[in-house]
Amino acid sequence: MNIAVIGATGLIGKPVTQQLIKAGFTVTILARHPEQIGTLFPSARVIEADLQKPDTILAGLQNQQMLYLNLSVRQNEKITDFHTETDGMKTILAAAKEAGIQRIGYLSSLVMRYQNMDGFHWWVFDIKEEAVRLLKASGISVSIFYPSTFMESFLMQIQGPLLALGGSSSIKLWFIAGQDYGQQVVRDFRLPGNESRDYVIQGPEAHTYDEAAHLFIKNYTKKKLYTLKAPVGILQFLGRFNRKMNYGGHILEAMNNYPERFEAERTWTVLGKPTTTLSEFARQQ
């Protein structure tokens, strides 16, 4: 099957794209800077495309049957900026209809359910909710994946010898490895039928964030790591002056308070049970 990917070089886009290639899909990657991608995925076709240039997206989707989207709001993005998950999504859906795309897979978020809980409201979650609405109203068959926290997030938090953490929480999260998620995406695209499908994506074991950080540090072999923890309130205060800090404060508040529970039974039945534990993931890095 021919499948196009937008967002192949992202933290989770990369393992998903690798699994699609490994599974035998003919992969076409749409990217603004194709010269930076060829070495990552030498067997994939790479086409220059830009979500702010609709003609390039339409050209990239020609002769494709399926499309996988790994979009995001950048940490320094402003509410008035161009947003890939809404402005870009409208361009994608228009092109997908014209090109005859049969199914779209989209990486969403489980923690965005925290929107309007405990008085919490964040414009970034408004964008993610709108992206889901646009997809479901498109008339194209869609598979929407709602993941718990990815194990790969710890790699982004390493700063020299420090593993930066924010706040504390007693809530257990079902951490998922990007590779395991990528295998589930592959299985979904292989399913027959044209109905739309929603999946909660969770890993094989649950930990609080502090427990997970301890396991990651204990099993990480590249270098010795130490935790550095900042109160969420401090990040939110600094966020008044720094957009990246503002993003971090909001996402940590949501992650530390969203009452996640295990909901992946159906996903495991249909797409297979993830097997990578957090200790195994840390040792593999």
Protein backbone atom coordinates (compact mmCIF):
# COMPACT_ATOMS: atom_id res chain seq x y z
CA MET A 1 0.00 0.00 0.00
CA ASN A 2 1.10 3.55 -0.70
CA ILE A 3 1.10 5.84 2.33
CA ALA A 4 2.13 9.47 2.72
CA VAL A 5 3.49 10.80 6.00
CA ILE A 6 3.50 14.40 7.22
CA GLY A 7 5.64 14.94 10.30
CA ALA A 8 8.01 12.00 9.78
CA THR A 9 10.96 13.54 11.65
CA GLY A 10 9.09 14.39 14.84
CA LEU A 11 9.84 12.64 18.13
CA ILE A 12 7.08 10.09 17.48
CA GLY A 13 6.76 10.56 13.72
CA LYS A 14 10.19 8.95 13.28
CA PRO A 15 9.46 5.57 14.94
CA VAL A 16 6.05 5.39 13.26
CA THR A 17 7.58 6.02 9.84
CA GLN A 18 10.28 3.43 10.53
CA GLN A 19 7.63 0.84 11.40
CA LEU A 20 5.61 1.62 8.26
CA ILE A 21 8.73 1.11 6.12
CA LYS A 22 9.67 -2.07 8.01
CA ALA A 23 6.15 -3.43 7.45
CA GLY A 24 6.49 -3.06 3.68
CA PHE A 25 4.44 0.07 3.00
CA THR A 26 5.59 2.25 0.12
CA VAL A 27 6.21 5.46 2.06
CA THR A 28 6.23 8.99 0.67
CA ILE A 29 7.34 11.69 3.11
CA LEU A 30 6.09 15.25 2.63
CA ALA A 31 8.51 17.75 4.15
CA ARG A 32 9.52 21.39 3.87
CA HIS A 33 13.23 20.48 3.85
CA PRO A 34 13.58 17.16 2.02
CA GLU A 35 17.37 17.44 1.89
CA GLN A 36 17.43 16.89 5.66
CA ILE A 37 15.40 13.67 5.56
CA GLY A 38 16.91 11.33 2.97
CA THR A 39 19.55 9.90 5.30
CA LEU A 40 16.94 9.13 7.99
CA PHE A 41 14.71 7.10 5.67
CA PRO A 42 16.81 6.06 2.66
CA SER A 43 14.14 3.73 1.26
CA ALA A 44 11.36 6.33 1.37
CA ARG A 45 10.40 8.78 -1.33
CA VAL A 46 10.69 12.37 -0.10
CA ILE A 47 8.78 15.28 -1.66
CA GLU A 48 9.11 18.96 -0.83
CA ALA A 49 5.78 20.22 0.51
CA ASP A 50 4.58 23.02 2.77
CA LEU A 51 1.24 23.22 4.59
CA GLN A 52 1.08 26.92 3.71
CA LYS A 53 1.36 26.05 0.01
CA PRO A 54 -1.73 23.92 -0.84
CA ASP A 55 -0.54 22.98 -4.33
CA THR A 56 2.53 21.25 -2.91
CA ILE A 57 0.40 19.14 -0.53
CA LEU A 58 -1.91 18.09 -3.35
CA ALA A 59 1.08 17.13 -5.50
CA GLY A 60 2.56 15.09 -2.66
CA LEU A 61 -0.67 13.13 -2.11
CA GLN A 62 -1.06 12.00 -5.69
CA ASN A 63 -1.21 8.20 -6.08
CA GLN A 64 -1.36 7.69 -2.30
CA GLN A 65 -3.98 5.50 -0.66
CA MET A 66 -3.40 6.48 2.96
CA LEU A 67 -1.99 9.34 4.99
CA TYR A 68 -0.45 9.49 8.47
CA LEU A 69 -0.26 12.83 10.32
CA ASN A 70 2.12 13.65 13.15
CA LEU A 71 1.34 17.34 13.72
CA SER A 72 1.91 19.49 16.78
CA VAL A 73 1.80 22.94 18.33
CA ARG A 74 5.35 24.23 18.77
CA GLN A 75 6.33 25.24 22.28
CA ASN A 76 7.04 28.82 21.19
CA GLU A 77 3.91 29.12 19.04
CA LYS A 78 1.52 32.03 19.56
CA ILE A 79 -2.25 31.83 19.46
CA THR A 80 -2.23 34.15 16.42
CA ASP A 81 0.27 32.03 14.45
CA PHE A 82 -0.42 29.56 11.66
CA HIS A 83 -1.34 26.26 13.34
CA THR A 84 -0.56 23.01 11.55
CA GLU A 85 -3.35 21.13 13.35
CA THR A 86 -6.12 23.52 12.27
CA ASP A 87 -5.00 25.85 9.45
CA GLY A 88 -2.75 23.15 8.04
CA MET A 89 -5.37 20.47 8.61
CA LYS A 90 -7.86 22.29 6.39
CA THR A 91 -5.28 22.32 3.59
CA ILE A 92 -4.51 18.63 4.13
CA LEU A 93 -8.14 17.55 4.10
CA ALA A 94 -8.96 19.50 0.95
CA ALA A 95 -5.97 17.95 -0.83
CA ALA A 96 -6.73 14.48 0.55
CA LYS A 97 -10.26 14.58 -0.84
CA GLU A 98 -9.07 15.68 -4.26
CA ALA A 99 -6.29 13.07 -4.31
CA GLY A 100 -8.63 10.25 -3.25
CA ILE A 101 -7.01 9.37 0.08
CA GLN A 102 -8.90 6.43 1.58
CA ARG A 103 -7.81 6.68 5.25
CA ILE A 104 -6.05 9.21 7.47
CA GLY A 105 -4.27 8.27 10.69
CA TYR A 106 -3.77 11.10 13.18
CA LEU A 107 -1.81 11.32 16.43
CA SER A 108 -3.93 13.21 18.95
CA SER A 109 -3.60 13.36 22.77
CA LEU A 110 -5.15 11.67 25.80
CA VAL A 111 -4.26 14.41 28.29
CA MET A 112 -6.20 17.00 26.27
CA ARG A 113 -9.27 15.54 27.97
CA TYR A 114 -8.21 17.62 30.96
CA GLN A 115 -9.63 20.64 29.14
CA ASN A 116 -12.30 22.33 31.33
CA MET A 117 -11.55 20.08 34.32
CA ASP A 118 -10.72 21.87 37.60
CA GLY A 119 -11.13 25.22 35.84
CA PHE A 120 -8.31 24.43 33.39
CA HIS A 121 -8.57 25.83 29.86
CA TRP A 122 -5.74 26.18 27.35
CA TRP A 123 -5.89 27.39 23.77
CA VAL A 124 -3.52 24.60 22.66
CA PHE A 125 -6.11 22.00 23.67
CA ASP A 126 -8.75 24.01 21.77
CA ILE A 127 -6.62 23.50 18.66
CA LYS A 128 -6.28 19.77 19.27
CA GLU A 129 -10.04 19.42 19.79
CA GLU A 130 -10.69 21.36 16.58
CA ALA A 131 -8.32 19.09 14.67
CA VAL A 132 -10.35 16.04 15.72
CA ARG A 133 -13.59 17.80 14.76
CA LEU A 134 -12.23 18.68 11.31
CA LEU A 135 -11.08 15.12 10.68
CA LYS A 136 -14.37 13.54 11.74
CA ALA A 137 -16.36 16.00 9.62
CA SER A 138 -14.18 15.45 6.54
CA GLY A 139 -16.04 12.48 5.07
CA ILE A 140 -12.75 10.54 4.88
CA SER A 141 -12.24 7.41 6.99
CA VAL A 142 -10.01 8.37 9.92
CA SER A 143 -8.10 6.53 12.63
CA ILE A 144 -7.45 8.78 15.62
CA PHE A 145 -4.93 7.71 18.25
CA TYR A 146 -5.15 9.16 21.78
CA PRO A 147 -1.86 8.29 23.51
CA SER A 148 -0.75 8.42 27.10
CA THR A 149 2.72 9.86 27.75
CA PHE A 150 5.42 8.66 25.38
CA MET A 151 8.61 7.27 26.89
CA GLU A 152 10.51 9.40 24.37
CA SER A 153 9.52 12.50 26.35
CA PHE A 154 12.32 11.69 28.81
CA LEU A 155 14.88 12.11 26.01
CA MET A 156 13.70 15.70 25.55
CA GLN A 157 14.09 16.40 29.26
CA ILE A 158 17.80 15.52 29.44
CA GLN A 159 19.89 18.66 29.91
CA GLY A 160 23.53 17.70 30.35
CA PRO A 161 23.67 15.45 33.43
CA LEU A 162 20.18 16.50 34.53
CA LEU A 163 16.72 15.07 33.89
CA ALA A 164 14.41 18.07 34.22
CA LEU A 165 11.03 17.41 35.86
CA GLY A 166 8.13 19.68 36.76
CA GLY A 167 5.93 19.32 39.81
CA SER A 168 4.74 16.06 41.36
CA SER A 169 1.70 13.86 40.97
CA SER A 170 0.28 10.68 42.49
CA ILE A 171 -1.49 9.83 39.22
CA LYS A 172 -0.15 6.82 37.34
CA LEU A 173 0.46 7.16 33.60
CA TRP A 174 0.57 4.26 31.15
CA PHE A 175 3.82 5.19 29.39
CA ILE A 176 4.07 3.95 25.79
CA ALA A 177 7.15 3.51 23.56
CA GLY A 178 7.04 5.10 20.12
CA GLN A 179 8.10 1.83 18.47
CA ASP A 180 5.20 -0.08 20.04
CA TYR A 181 2.80 2.66 18.99
CA GLY A 182 4.20 2.56 15.47
CA GLN A 183 3.46 -1.17 15.29
CA GLN A 184 -0.13 -0.48 16.33
CA VAL A 185 -0.44 2.16 13.61
CA VAL A 186 0.75 -0.40 11.07
CA ARG A 187 -1.87 -2.91 12.21
CA ASP A 188 -4.62 -0.32 11.97
CA PHE A 189 -3.75 0.61 8.39
CA ARG A 190 -3.86 -3.06 7.48
CA LEU A 191 -7.39 -3.56 8.83
CA PRO A 192 -10.20 -3.99 6.28
CA GLY A 193 -13.25 -1.73 6.27
CA ASN A 194 -13.84 1.98 5.78
CA GLU A 195 -15.32 2.88 9.17
CA SER A 196 -13.62 5.54 11.30
CA ARG A 197 -11.81 4.28 14.39
CA ASP A 198 -10.68 5.78 17.72
CA TYR A 199 -8.02 4.22 19.94
CA VAL A 200 -6.67 4.93 23.42
CA ILE A 201 -2.94 4.19 23.29
CA GLN A 202 -1.34 3.03 26.54
CA GLY A 203 1.72 0.97 27.45
CA PRO A 204 2.05 -2.26 29.47
CA GLU A 205 2.69 -0.72 32.91
CA ALA A 206 1.71 2.38 34.87
CA HIS A 207 3.92 4.67 36.96
CA THR A 208 3.70 8.10 38.48
CA TYR A 209 6.01 10.53 36.69
CA ASP A 210 8.46 10.46 39.61
CA GLU A 211 8.50 6.63 39.60
CA ALA A 212 9.02 6.63 35.84
CA ALA A 213 11.87 9.14 36.07
CA HIS A 214 13.58 6.96 38.70
CA LEU A 215 13.28 3.87 36.46
CA PHE A 216 14.58 5.77 33.44
CA ILE A 217 17.62 7.09 35.33
CA LYS A 218 18.35 3.68 36.88
CA ASN A 219 18.40 1.97 33.47
CA TYR A 220 19.85 4.71 31.25
CA THR A 221 23.40 3.67 30.31
CA LYS A 222 24.78 6.57 28.27
CA LYS A 223 25.65 8.67 31.31
CA LYS A 224 24.77 9.23 34.93
CA LEU A 225 21.67 11.38 35.31
CA TYR A 226 20.31 13.35 38.26
CA THR A 227 16.83 14.82 38.61
CA LEU A 228 16.19 18.54 38.66
CA LYS A 229 12.65 19.38 39.68
CA ALA A 230 10.93 22.76 39.31
CA PRO A 231 7.51 23.60 40.80
CA VAL A 232 4.83 23.99 38.14
CA GLY A 233 3.88 27.33 39.68
CA ILE A 234 7.37 28.70 38.99
CA LEU A 235 7.16 27.60 35.35
CA GLN A 236 3.74 29.23 35.03
CA PHE A 237 5.07 32.48 36.50
CA LEU A 238 8.06 32.47 34.13
CA GLY A 239 5.62 31.65 31.35
CA ARG A 240 4.31 35.19 31.54
CA PHE A 241 7.59 36.25 29.95
CA ASN A 242 8.61 33.17 27.96
CA ARG A 243 6.33 31.21 25.59
CA LYS A 244 8.28 27.96 25.98
CA MET A 245 7.94 28.16 29.77
CA ASN A 246 4.26 28.98 29.35
CA TYR A 247 3.76 25.86 27.27
CA GLY A 248 5.68 23.73 29.78
CA GLY A 249 3.69 25.04 32.72
CA HIS A 250 0.36 24.30 31.07
CA ILE A 251 1.21 20.82 29.80
CA LEU A 252 2.66 19.81 33.17
CA GLU A 253 -0.41 21.08 35.00
CA ALA A 254 -2.58 18.94 32.73
CA MET A 255 -0.36 15.85 32.96
CA ASN A 256 -0.06 16.08 36.75
CA ASN A 257 -3.82 16.36 37.24
CA TYR A 258 -5.60 14.48 34.46
CA PRO A 259 -7.05 11.35 36.16
CA GLU A 260 -5.77 8.82 33.66
CA ARG A 261 -7.14 5.31 33.96
CA PHE A 262 -6.52 2.22 31.89
CA GLU A 263 -8.72 2.27 28.77
CA ALA A 264 -6.68 0.39 26.16
CA GLU A 265 -8.36 -3.03 26.38
CA ARG A 266 -10.04 -2.72 22.98
CA THR A 267 -6.90 -1.25 21.40
CA TRP A 268 -4.82 -4.19 22.62
CA THR A 269 -7.41 -6.65 21.32
CA VAL A 270 -7.48 -5.07 17.86
CA LEU A 271 -3.93 -3.74 17.45
CA GLY A 272 -1.88 -5.89 19.81
CA LYS A 273 -0.49 -5.35 23.29
CA PRO A 274 2.61 -3.15 23.64
CA THR A 275 5.55 -4.99 25.20
CA THR A 276 8.28 -2.40 25.85
CA THR A 277 8.69 -1.49 29.51
CA LEU A 278 10.20 1.81 30.60
CA SER A 279 13.30 0.02 31.94
CA GLU A 280 13.81 -1.70 28.58
CA PHE A 281 13.30 1.57 26.71
CA ALA A 282 15.93 3.35 28.82
CA ARG A 283 18.46 0.56 28.25
CA GLN A 284 17.91 0.74 24.48
CA GLN A 285 18.88 4.42 24.23
